PDB file of N, CA and C in Angstrom:
ATOM      1  N   MET A   1     117.293  81.108 116.493  1.00  0.00           N
ATOM      2  CA  MET A   1     117.633  81.997 117.578  1.00  0.00           C
ATOM      3  C   MET A   1     116.980  83.346 117.324  1.00  0.00           C
ATOM      4  N   ALA A   2     116.281  83.859 118.294  1.00  0.00           N
ATOM      5  CA  ALA A   2     115.623  85.153 118.168  1.00  0.00           C
ATOM      6  C   ALA A   2     116.648  86.274 118.293  1.00  0.00           C
ATOM      7  N   VAL A   3     116.504  87.270 117.440  1.00  0.00           N
ATOM      8  CA  VAL A   3     117.389  88.425 117.471  1.00  0.00           C
ATOM      9  C   VAL A   3     116.592  89.615 117.972  1.00  0.00           C
ATOM     10  N   ASN A   4     117.144  90.330 118.927  1.00  0.00           N
ATOM     11  CA  ASN A   4     116.481  91.509 119.471  1.00  0.00           C
ATOM     12  C   ASN A   4     116.833  92.712 118.601  1.00  0.00           C
ATOM     13  N   LEU A   5     115.911  93.101 117.708  1.00  0.00           N
ATOM     14  CA  LEU A   5     116.158  94.223 116.817  1.00  0.00           C
ATOM     15  C   LEU A   5     115.809  95.529 117.506  1.00  0.00           C
ATOM     16  N   PRO A   6     116.600  96.573 117.253  1.00  0.00           N
ATOM     17  CA  PRO A   6     116.323  97.868 117.864  1.00  0.00           C
ATOM     18  C   PRO A   6     115.097  98.534 117.271  1.00  0.00           C
ATOM     19  N   GLU A   7     114.513  99.441 118.009  1.00  0.00           N
ATOM     20  CA  GLU A   7     113.348 100.201 117.555  1.00  0.00           C
ATOM     21  C   GLU A   7     113.791 101.252 116.537  1.00  0.00           C
ATOM     22  N   VAL A   8     113.167 101.244 115.374  1.00  0.00           N
ATOM     23  CA  VAL A   8     113.565 102.174 114.317  1.00  0.00           C
ATOM     24  C   VAL A   8     112.462 103.162 113.946  1.00  0.00           C
ATOM     25  N   SER A   9     111.368 103.160 114.643  1.00  0.00           N
ATOM     26  CA  SER A   9     110.233 103.988 114.247  1.00  0.00           C
ATOM     27  C   SER A   9     110.487 105.485 114.411  1.00  0.00           C
ATOM     28  N   ALA A  10     111.490 105.880 115.164  1.00  0.00           N
ATOM     29  CA  ALA A  10     111.758 107.304 115.370  1.00  0.00           C
ATOM     30  C   ALA A  10     112.334 107.962 114.111  1.00  0.00           C
ATOM     31  N   LEU A  11     112.915 107.195 113.231  1.00  0.00           N
ATOM     32  CA  LEU A  11     113.521 107.730 112.009  1.00  0.00           C
ATOM     33  C   LEU A  11     112.550 107.524 110.851  1.00  0.00           C
ATOM     34  N   PRO A  12     112.074 108.613 110.240  1.00  0.00           N
ATOM     35  CA  PRO A  12     111.104 108.461 109.146  1.00  0.00           C
ATOM     36  C   PRO A  12     111.770 107.889 107.896  1.00  0.00           C
ATOM     37  N   PRO A  13     111.009 107.257 107.022  1.00  0.00           N
ATOM     38  CA  PRO A  13     111.567 106.776 105.753  1.00  0.00           C
ATOM     39  C   PRO A  13     112.115 107.951 104.948  1.00  0.00           C
ATOM     40  N   PHE A  14     113.067 107.659 104.080  1.00  0.00           N
ATOM     41  CA  PHE A  14     113.640 108.699 103.226  1.00  0.00           C
ATOM     42  C   PHE A  14     112.738 108.916 102.015  1.00  0.00           C
ATOM     43  N   ASP A  15     112.404 110.169 101.751  1.00  0.00           N
ATOM     44  CA  ASP A  15     111.540 110.516 100.617  1.00  0.00           C
ATOM     45  C   ASP A  15     112.415 110.743  99.380  1.00  0.00           C
ATOM     46  N   CYS A  16     112.422 109.767  98.495  1.00  0.00           N
ATOM     47  CA  CYS A  16     113.249 109.858  97.288  1.00  0.00           C
ATOM     48  C   CYS A  16     112.430 110.200  96.056  1.00  0.00           C
ATOM     49  N   LYS A  17     111.177 110.578  96.249  1.00  0.00           N
ATOM     50  CA  LYS A  17     110.306 110.858  95.104  1.00  0.00           C
ATOM     51  C   LYS A  17     110.017 112.336  94.901  1.00  0.00           C
ATOM     52  N   THR A  18     110.164 113.144  95.926  1.00  0.00           N
ATOM     53  CA  THR A  18     109.847 114.560  95.765  1.00  0.00           C
ATOM     54  C   THR A  18     111.096 115.412  95.925  1.00  0.00           C
ATOM     55  N   ASP A  19     111.054 116.587  95.340  1.00  0.00           N
ATOM     56  CA  ASP A  19     112.108 117.590  95.436  1.00  0.00           C
ATOM     57  C   ASP A  19     113.492 117.009  95.155  1.00  0.00           C
ATOM     58  N   THR A  20     113.665 116.555  93.936  1.00  0.00           N
ATOM     59  CA  THR A  20     114.943 115.946  93.551  1.00  0.00           C
ATOM     60  C   THR A  20     116.094 116.946  93.573  1.00  0.00           C
ATOM     61  N   SER A  21     115.791 118.251  93.544  1.00  0.00           N
ATOM     62  CA  SER A  21     116.860 119.252  93.575  1.00  0.00           C
ATOM     63  C   SER A  21     117.599 119.266  94.911  1.00  0.00           C
ATOM     64  N   THR A  22     116.949 118.792  95.973  1.00  0.00           N
ATOM     65  CA  THR A  22     117.592 118.759  97.294  1.00  0.00           C
ATOM     66  C   THR A  22     117.859 117.334  97.771  1.00  0.00           C
ATOM     67  N   MET A  23     117.705 116.359  96.883  1.00  0.00           N
ATOM     68  CA  MET A  23     117.815 114.963  97.312  1.00  0.00           C
ATOM     69  C   MET A  23     119.182 114.636  97.904  1.00  0.00           C
ATOM     70  N   GLY A  24     120.252 115.104  97.294  1.00  0.00           N
ATOM     71  CA  GLY A  24     121.589 114.797  97.803  1.00  0.00           C
ATOM     72  C   GLY A  24     121.784 115.272  99.229  1.00  0.00           C
ATOM     73  N   THR A  25     121.388 116.490  99.498  1.00  0.00           N
ATOM     74  CA  THR A  25     121.511 117.058 100.843  1.00  0.00           C
ATOM     75  C   THR A  25     120.615 116.322 101.826  1.00  0.00           C
ATOM     76  N   ARG A  26     119.377 116.069 101.422  1.00  0.00           N
ATOM     77  CA  ARG A  26     118.452 115.360 102.316  1.00  0.00           C
ATOM     78  C   ARG A  26     118.938 113.949 102.591  1.00  0.00           C
ATOM     79  N   TRP A  27     119.507 113.271 101.572  1.00  0.00           N
ATOM     80  CA  TRP A  27     120.028 111.909 101.749  1.00  0.00           C
ATOM     81  C   TRP A  27     121.203 111.914 102.733  1.00  0.00           C
ATOM     82  N   ARG A  28     122.125 112.853 102.588  1.00  0.00           N
ATOM     83  CA  ARG A  28     123.271 112.916 103.509  1.00  0.00           C
ATOM     84  C   ARG A  28     122.794 113.120 104.946  1.00  0.00           C
ATOM     85  N   ARG A  29     121.794 113.987 105.141  1.00  0.00           N
ATOM     86  CA  ARG A  29     121.271 114.228 106.484  1.00  0.00           C
ATOM     87  C   ARG A  29     120.567 112.985 107.036  1.00  0.00           C
ATOM     88  N   TRP A  30     119.765 112.321 106.207  1.00  0.00           N
ATOM     89  CA  TRP A  30     119.057 111.117 106.645  1.00  0.00           C
ATOM     90  C   TRP A  30     120.060 110.021 106.994  1.00  0.00           C
ATOM     91  N   LYS A  31     121.057 109.850 106.128  1.00  0.00           N
ATOM     92  CA  LYS A  31     122.067 108.806 106.346  1.00  0.00           C
ATOM     93  C   LYS A  31     122.866 109.080 107.620  1.00  0.00           C
ATOM     94  N   ARG A  32     123.188 110.353 107.873  1.00  0.00           N
ATOM     95  CA  ARG A  32     123.899 110.708 109.100  1.00  0.00           C
ATOM     96  C   ARG A  32     123.070 110.312 110.323  1.00  0.00           C
ATOM     97  N   SER A  33     121.776 110.610 110.292  1.00  0.00           N
ATOM     98  CA  SER A  33     120.894 110.245 111.399  1.00  0.00           C
ATOM     99  C   SER A  33     120.838 108.727 111.569  1.00  0.00           C
ATOM    100  N   PHE A  34     120.778 108.007 110.453  1.00  0.00           N
ATOM    101  CA  PHE A  34     120.750 106.547 110.516  1.00  0.00           C
ATOM    102  C   PHE A  34     122.054 106.001 111.096  1.00  0.00           C
ATOM    103  N   ASP A  35     123.189 106.566 110.701  1.00  0.00           N
ATOM    104  CA  ASP A  35     124.479 106.115 111.243  1.00  0.00           C
ATOM    105  C   ASP A  35     124.550 106.342 112.755  1.00  0.00           C
ATOM    106  N   TYR A  36     124.012 107.480 113.228  1.00  0.00           N
ATOM    107  CA  TYR A  36     123.949 107.712 114.672  1.00  0.00           C
ATOM    108  C   TYR A  36     123.085 106.655 115.351  1.00  0.00           C
ATOM    109  N   PHE A  37     121.982 106.308 114.703  1.00  0.00           N
ATOM    110  CA  PHE A  37     121.093 105.277 115.234  1.00  0.00           C
ATOM    111  C   PHE A  37     121.838 103.945 115.372  1.00  0.00           C
ATOM    112  N   LEU A  38     122.559 103.541 114.300  1.00  0.00           N
ATOM    113  CA  LEU A  38     123.317 102.283 114.358  1.00  0.00           C
ATOM    114  C   LEU A  38     124.325 102.300 115.496  1.00  0.00           C
ATOM    115  N   LEU A  39     125.020 103.400 115.642  1.00  0.00           N
ATOM    116  CA  LEU A  39     126.024 103.520 116.697  1.00  0.00           C
ATOM    117  C   LEU A  39     125.374 103.448 118.085  1.00  0.00           C
ATOM    118  N   ALA A  40     124.294 104.178 118.269  1.00  0.00           N
ATOM    119  CA  ALA A  40     123.619 104.205 119.574  1.00  0.00           C
ATOM    120  C   ALA A  40     123.072 102.842 119.966  1.00  0.00           C
ATOM    121  N   LYS A  41     122.604 102.089 118.985  1.00  0.00           N
ATOM    122  CA  LYS A  41     122.028 100.777 119.261  1.00  0.00           C
ATOM    123  C   LYS A  41     123.058  99.655 119.235  1.00  0.00           C
ATOM    124  N   GLY A  42     124.286  99.956 118.832  1.00  0.00           N
ATOM    125  CA  GLY A  42     125.337  98.949 118.833  1.00  0.00           C
ATOM    126  C   GLY A  42     125.189  97.894 117.745  1.00  0.00           C
ATOM    127  N   VAL A  43     124.582  98.263 116.632  1.00  0.00           N
ATOM    128  CA  VAL A  43     124.410  97.328 115.515  1.00  0.00           C
ATOM    129  C   VAL A  43     125.703  97.341 114.704  1.00  0.00           C
ATOM    130  N   THR A  44     126.442  96.232 114.708  1.00  0.00           N
ATOM    131  CA  THR A  44     127.746  96.194 114.057  1.00  0.00           C
ATOM    132  C   THR A  44     127.852  95.165 112.941  1.00  0.00           C
ATOM    133  N   THR A  45     126.899  94.269 112.831  1.00  0.00           N
ATOM    134  CA  THR A  45     126.939  93.248 111.795  1.00  0.00           C
ATOM    135  C   THR A  45     126.532  93.870 110.456  1.00  0.00           C
ATOM    136  N   PRO A  46     127.416  93.813 109.434  1.00  0.00           N
ATOM    137  CA  PRO A  46     127.106  94.449 108.154  1.00  0.00           C
ATOM    138  C   PRO A  46     125.790  93.997 107.523  1.00  0.00           C
ATOM    139  N   ALA A  47     125.463  92.724 107.615  1.00  0.00           N
ATOM    140  CA  ALA A  47     124.206  92.235 107.028  1.00  0.00           C
ATOM    141  C   ALA A  47     123.012  92.871 107.734  1.00  0.00           C
ATOM    142  N   GLN A  48     123.086  92.975 109.052  1.00  0.00           N
ATOM    143  CA  GLN A  48     121.995  93.589 109.811  1.00  0.00           C
ATOM    144  C   GLN A  48     121.941  95.093 109.563  1.00  0.00           C
ATOM    145  N   GLN A  49     123.096  95.741 109.436  1.00  0.00           N
ATOM    146  CA  GLN A  49     123.125  97.168 109.128  1.00  0.00           C
ATOM    147  C   GLN A  49     122.454  97.439 107.776  1.00  0.00           C
ATOM    148  N   LYS A  50     122.778  96.630 106.773  1.00  0.00           N
ATOM    149  CA  LYS A  50     122.184  96.794 105.443  1.00  0.00           C
ATOM    150  C   LYS A  50     120.671  96.579 105.504  1.00  0.00           C
ATOM    151  N   ALA A  51     120.254  95.524 106.178  1.00  0.00           N
ATOM    152  CA  ALA A  51     118.825  95.231 106.281  1.00  0.00           C
ATOM    153  C   ALA A  51     118.083  96.363 106.994  1.00  0.00           C
ATOM    154  N   LEU A  52     118.655  96.881 108.078  1.00  0.00           N
ATOM    155  CA  LEU A  52     118.025  97.995 108.793  1.00  0.00           C
ATOM    156  C   LEU A  52     118.008  99.264 107.937  1.00  0.00           C
ATOM    157  N   LEU A  53     119.078  99.500 107.199  1.00  0.00           N
ATOM    158  CA  LEU A  53     119.128 100.657 106.303  1.00  0.00           C
ATOM    159  C   LEU A  53     117.975 100.610 105.313  1.00  0.00           C
ATOM    160  N   LEU A  54     117.839  99.495 104.615  1.00  0.00           N
ATOM    161  CA  LEU A  54     116.811  99.385 103.584  1.00  0.00           C
ATOM    162  C   LEU A  54     115.407  99.359 104.182  1.00  0.00           C
ATOM    163  N   HIS A  55     115.255  98.710 105.323  1.00  0.00           N
ATOM    164  CA  HIS A  55     113.944  98.691 105.982  1.00  0.00           C
ATOM    165  C   HIS A  55     113.549 100.093 106.446  1.00  0.00           C
ATOM    166  N   THR A  56     114.464 100.763 107.112  1.00  0.00           N
ATOM    167  CA  THR A  56     114.175 102.076 107.674  1.00  0.00           C
ATOM    168  C   THR A  56     114.002 103.129 106.585  1.00  0.00           C
ATOM    169  N   ALA A  57     114.780 103.036 105.515  1.00  0.00           N
ATOM    170  CA  ALA A  57     114.687 104.007 104.415  1.00  0.00           C
ATOM    171  C   ALA A  57     113.331 103.922 103.730  1.00  0.00           C
ATOM    172  N   GLY A  58     112.726 102.743 103.728  1.00  0.00           N
ATOM    173  CA  GLY A  58     111.378 102.610 103.196  1.00  0.00           C
ATOM    174  C   GLY A  58     111.293 101.880 101.866  1.00  0.00           C
ATOM    175  N   ILE A  59     110.070 101.584 101.484  1.00  0.00           N
ATOM    176  CA  ILE A  59     109.797 100.793 100.285  1.00  0.00           C
ATOM    177  C   ILE A  59     110.270 101.501  99.022  1.00  0.00           C
ATOM    178  N   ASP A  60     110.115 102.814  98.933  1.00  0.00           N
ATOM    179  CA  ASP A  60     110.553 103.532  97.735  1.00  0.00           C
ATOM    180  C   ASP A  60     112.066 103.401  97.532  1.00  0.00           C
ATOM    181  N   VAL A  61     112.825 103.520  98.610  1.00  0.00           N
ATOM    182  CA  VAL A  61     114.275 103.358  98.517  1.00  0.00           C
ATOM    183  C   VAL A  61     114.620 101.911  98.186  1.00  0.00           C
ATOM    184  N   GLN A  62     113.897 100.961  98.755  1.00  0.00           N
ATOM    185  CA  GLN A  62     114.128  99.553  98.428  1.00  0.00           C
ATOM    186  C   GLN A  62     113.911  99.310  96.937  1.00  0.00           C
ATOM    187  N   ASP A  63     112.856  99.897  96.380  1.00  0.00           N
ATOM    188  CA  ASP A  63     112.582  99.748  94.947  1.00  0.00           C
ATOM    189  C   ASP A  63     113.719 100.324  94.108  1.00  0.00           C
ATOM    190  N   VAL A  64     114.221 101.483  94.505  1.00  0.00           N
ATOM    191  CA  VAL A  64     115.346 102.096  93.790  1.00  0.00           C
ATOM    192  C   VAL A  64     116.574 101.202  93.916  1.00  0.00           C
ATOM    193  N   PHE A  65     116.883 100.773  95.127  1.00  0.00           N
ATOM    194  CA  PHE A  65     118.082  99.958  95.379  1.00  0.00           C
ATOM    195  C   PHE A  65     118.070  98.680  94.546  1.00  0.00           C
ATOM    196  N   ASP A  66     116.914  98.052  94.441  1.00  0.00           N
ATOM    197  CA  ASP A  66     116.814  96.786  93.713  1.00  0.00           C
ATOM    198  C   ASP A  66     117.061  96.932  92.214  1.00  0.00           C
ATOM    199  N   THR A  67     117.006  98.156  91.694  1.00  0.00           N
ATOM    200  CA  THR A  67     117.228  98.373  90.264  1.00  0.00           C
ATOM    201  C   THR A  67     118.642  98.840  89.948  1.00  0.00           C
ATOM    202  N   LEU A  68     119.433  99.144  90.963  1.00  0.00           N
ATOM    203  CA  LEU A  68     120.760  99.724  90.743  1.00  0.00           C
ATOM    204  C   LEU A  68     121.852  98.665  90.681  1.00  0.00           C
ATOM    205  N   PRO A  69     122.864  98.899  89.838  1.00  0.00           N
ATOM    206  CA  PRO A  69     124.040  98.032  89.892  1.00  0.00           C
ATOM    207  C   PRO A  69     124.845  98.390  91.141  1.00  0.00           C
ATOM    208  N   GLU A  70     125.523  97.415  91.697  1.00  0.00           N
ATOM    209  CA  GLU A  70     126.324  97.664  92.892  1.00  0.00           C
ATOM    210  C   GLU A  70     127.460  98.621  92.548  1.00  0.00           C
ATOM    211  N   ALA A  71     127.661  99.619  93.400  1.00  0.00           N
ATOM    212  CA  ALA A  71     128.748 100.574  93.193  1.00  0.00           C
ATOM    213  C   ALA A  71     130.085  99.857  93.337  1.00  0.00           C
ATOM    214  N   PRO A  72     131.065 100.219  92.522  1.00  0.00           N
ATOM    215  CA  PRO A  72     132.371  99.566  92.602  1.00  0.00           C
ATOM    216  C   PRO A  72     133.114  99.948  93.870  1.00  0.00           C
ATOM    217  N   GLY A  73     134.050  99.120  94.251  1.00  0.00           N
ATOM    218  CA  GLY A  73     134.886  99.419  95.405  1.00  0.00           C
ATOM    219  C   GLY A  73     134.844  98.329  96.447  1.00  0.00           C
ATOM    220  N   GLU A  74     135.703  98.501  97.417  1.00  0.00           N
ATOM    221  CA  GLU A  74     135.834  97.537  98.506  1.00  0.00           C
ATOM    222  C   GLU A  74     134.855  97.865  99.626  1.00  0.00           C
ATOM    223  N   GLY A  75     134.595  96.876 100.466  1.00  0.00           N
ATOM    224  CA  GLY A  75     133.775  97.101 101.645  1.00  0.00           C
ATOM    225  C   GLY A  75     132.802  95.962 101.872  1.00  0.00           C
ATOM    226  N   ASP A  76     132.251  95.944 103.078  1.00  0.00           N
ATOM    227  CA  ASP A  76     131.260  94.933 103.418  1.00  0.00           C
ATOM    228  C   ASP A  76     129.930  95.281 102.760  1.00  0.00           C
ATOM    229  N   GLU A  77     128.928  94.446 102.977  1.00  0.00           N
ATOM    230  CA  GLU A  77     127.658  94.648 102.269  1.00  0.00           C
ATOM    231  C   GLU A  77     126.940  95.936 102.679  1.00  0.00           C
ATOM    232  N   TYR A  78     127.117  96.391 103.905  1.00  0.00           N
ATOM    233  CA  TYR A  78     126.512  97.663 104.311  1.00  0.00           C
ATOM    234  C   TYR A  78     127.200  98.824 103.601  1.00  0.00           C
ATOM    235  N   VAL A  79     128.515  98.830 103.602  1.00  0.00           N
ATOM    236  CA  VAL A  79     129.276  99.893 102.945  1.00  0.00           C
ATOM    237  C   VAL A  79     128.934  99.950 101.459  1.00  0.00           C
ATOM    238  N   LYS A  80     128.828  98.799 100.819  1.00  0.00           N
ATOM    239  CA  LYS A  80     128.493  98.762  99.392  1.00  0.00           C
ATOM    240  C   LYS A  80     127.067  99.254  99.137  1.00  0.00           C
ATOM    241  N   ALA A  81     126.143  98.908 100.009  1.00  0.00           N
ATOM    242  CA  ALA A  81     124.757  99.367  99.844  1.00  0.00           C
ATOM    243  C   ALA A  81     124.675 100.884  99.972  1.00  0.00           C
ATOM    244  N   VAL A  82     125.360 101.442 100.965  1.00  0.00           N
ATOM    245  CA  VAL A  82     125.364 102.892 101.154  1.00  0.00           C
ATOM    246  C   VAL A  82     126.008 103.567  99.955  1.00  0.00           C
ATOM    247  N   ARG A  83     127.131 103.037  99.487  1.00  0.00           N
ATOM    248  CA  ARG A  83     127.818 103.619  98.333  1.00  0.00           C
ATOM    249  C   ARG A  83     126.919 103.587  97.099  1.00  0.00           C
ATOM    250  N   THR A  84     126.199 102.498  96.909  1.00  0.00           N
ATOM    251  CA  THR A  84     125.287 102.377  95.773  1.00  0.00           C
ATOM    252  C   THR A  84     124.205 103.447  95.825  1.00  0.00           C
ATOM    253  N   LEU A  85     123.609 103.648  96.999  1.00  0.00           N
ATOM    254  CA  LEU A  85     122.578 104.670  97.136  1.00  0.00           C
ATOM    255  C   LEU A  85     123.164 106.076  97.053  1.00  0.00           C
ATOM    256  N   ASP A  86     124.370 106.272  97.595  1.00  0.00           N
ATOM    257  CA  ASP A  86     125.027 107.574  97.496  1.00  0.00           C
ATOM    258  C   ASP A  86     125.165 108.006  96.043  1.00  0.00           C
ATOM    259  N   VAL A  87     125.589 107.081  95.189  1.00  0.00           N
ATOM    260  CA  VAL A  87     125.786 107.392  93.775  1.00  0.00           C
ATOM    261  C   VAL A  87     124.465 107.800  93.137  1.00  0.00           C
ATOM    262  N   ASP A  88     123.403 107.088  93.439  1.00  0.00           N
ATOM    263  CA  ASP A  88     122.116 107.391  92.817  1.00  0.00           C
ATOM    264  C   ASP A  88     121.493 108.673  93.358  1.00  0.00           C
ATOM    265  N   PHE A  89     121.671 108.958  94.635  1.00  0.00           N
ATOM    266  CA  PHE A  89     121.034 110.119  95.248  1.00  0.00           C
ATOM    267  C   PHE A  89     121.889 111.382  95.205  1.00  0.00           C
ATOM    268  N   GLN A  90     123.078 111.297  94.618  1.00  0.00           N
ATOM    269  CA  GLN A  90     123.908 112.505  94.546  1.00  0.00           C
ATOM    270  C   GLN A  90     123.227 113.546  93.666  1.00  0.00           C
ATOM    271  N   PRO A  91     123.516 114.810  93.926  1.00  0.00           N
ATOM    272  CA  PRO A  91     122.874 115.861  93.129  1.00  0.00           C
ATOM    273  C   PRO A  91     123.241 115.747  91.652  1.00  0.00           C
ATOM    274  N   ARG A  92     122.268 115.992  90.811  1.00  0.00           N
ATOM    275  CA  ARG A  92     122.483 116.020  89.369  1.00  0.00           C
ATOM    276  C   ARG A  92     122.783 117.459  88.973  1.00  0.00           C
ATOM    277  N   THR A  93     123.700 117.636  88.075  1.00  0.00           N
ATOM    278  CA  THR A  93     124.019 118.979  87.600  1.00  0.00           C
ATOM    279  C   THR A  93     123.836 119.044  86.095  1.00  0.00           C
ATOM    280  N   ASN A  94     123.444 120.209  85.646  1.00  0.00           N
ATOM    281  CA  ASN A  94     123.303 120.440  84.212  1.00  0.00           C
ATOM    282  C   ASN A  94     124.570 121.112  83.701  1.00  0.00           C
ATOM    283  N   ILE A  95     125.143 120.556  82.652  1.00  0.00           N
ATOM    284  CA  ILE A  95     126.334 121.118  82.037  1.00  0.00           C
ATOM    285  C   ILE A  95     125.955 121.651  80.670  1.00  0.00           C
ATOM    286  N   ARG A  96     126.290 122.898  80.437  1.00  0.00           N
ATOM    287  CA  ARG A  96     125.947 123.522  79.154  1.00  0.00           C
ATOM    288  C   ARG A  96     127.136 123.416  78.202  1.00  0.00           C
ATOM    289  N   MET A  97     126.868 122.875  77.032  1.00  0.00           N
ATOM    290  CA  MET A  97     127.888 122.774  75.991  1.00  0.00           C
ATOM    291  C   MET A  97     127.238 123.166  74.670  1.00  0.00           C
ATOM    292  N   ASN A  98     127.674 124.296  74.097  1.00  0.00           N
ATOM    293  CA  ASN A  98     127.142 124.742  72.821  1.00  0.00           C
ATOM    294  C   ASN A  98     125.619 124.825  72.821  1.00  0.00           C
ATOM    295  N   ASP A  99     125.051 125.472  73.821  1.00  0.00           N
ATOM    296  CA  ASP A  99     123.604 125.657  73.953  1.00  0.00           C
ATOM    297  C   ASP A  99     122.825 124.352  74.106  1.00  0.00           C
ATOM    298  N   THR A 100     123.488 123.269  74.459  1.00  0.00           N
ATOM    299  CA  THR A 100     122.834 122.008  74.740  1.00  0.00           C
ATOM    300  C   THR A 100     123.150 121.645  76.185  1.00  0.00           C
ATOM    301  N   TYR A 101     122.151 121.210  76.917  1.00  0.00           N
ATOM    302  CA  TYR A 101     122.359 120.851  78.328  1.00  0.00           C
ATOM    303  C   TYR A 101     122.428 119.345  78.474  1.00  0.00           C
ATOM    304  N   PHE A 102     123.386 118.905  79.284  1.00  0.00           N
ATOM    305  CA  PHE A 102     123.554 117.500  79.596  1.00  0.00           C
ATOM    306  C   PHE A 102     123.410 117.336  81.094  1.00  0.00           C
ATOM    307  N   VAL A 103     122.694 116.333  81.526  1.00  0.00           N
ATOM    308  CA  VAL A 103     122.542 116.051  82.946  1.00  0.00           C
ATOM    309  C   VAL A 103     123.573 115.015  83.328  1.00  0.00           C
ATOM    310  N   THR A 104     124.338 115.327  84.393  1.00  0.00           N
ATOM    311  CA  THR A 104     125.338 114.377  84.864  1.00  0.00           C
ATOM    312  C   THR A 104     124.966 113.862  86.221  1.00  0.00           C
TER     313      THR A 104
END
């Protein structure tokens, strides 16, 4: 059975390779735009939402996603995929302890 997929070319892929200092903010904005896209197009099937997320986010995000362990918690496959990427793309902070810096 042929599935009529919505047009996704209006949303650019997410750039996860440059400017890591702003990645968390840029990811939240990109994800918000993608969620609006899903809502506008009426895409409600979690498997299709996940596939569109990874396709639209681009090959670099797909490469990152394929190396990550699934984030813990409840939810369908789309919710789990978003949570997994959220954890990886969250801002990193440096914590100073006794003149030594740790990245969290």
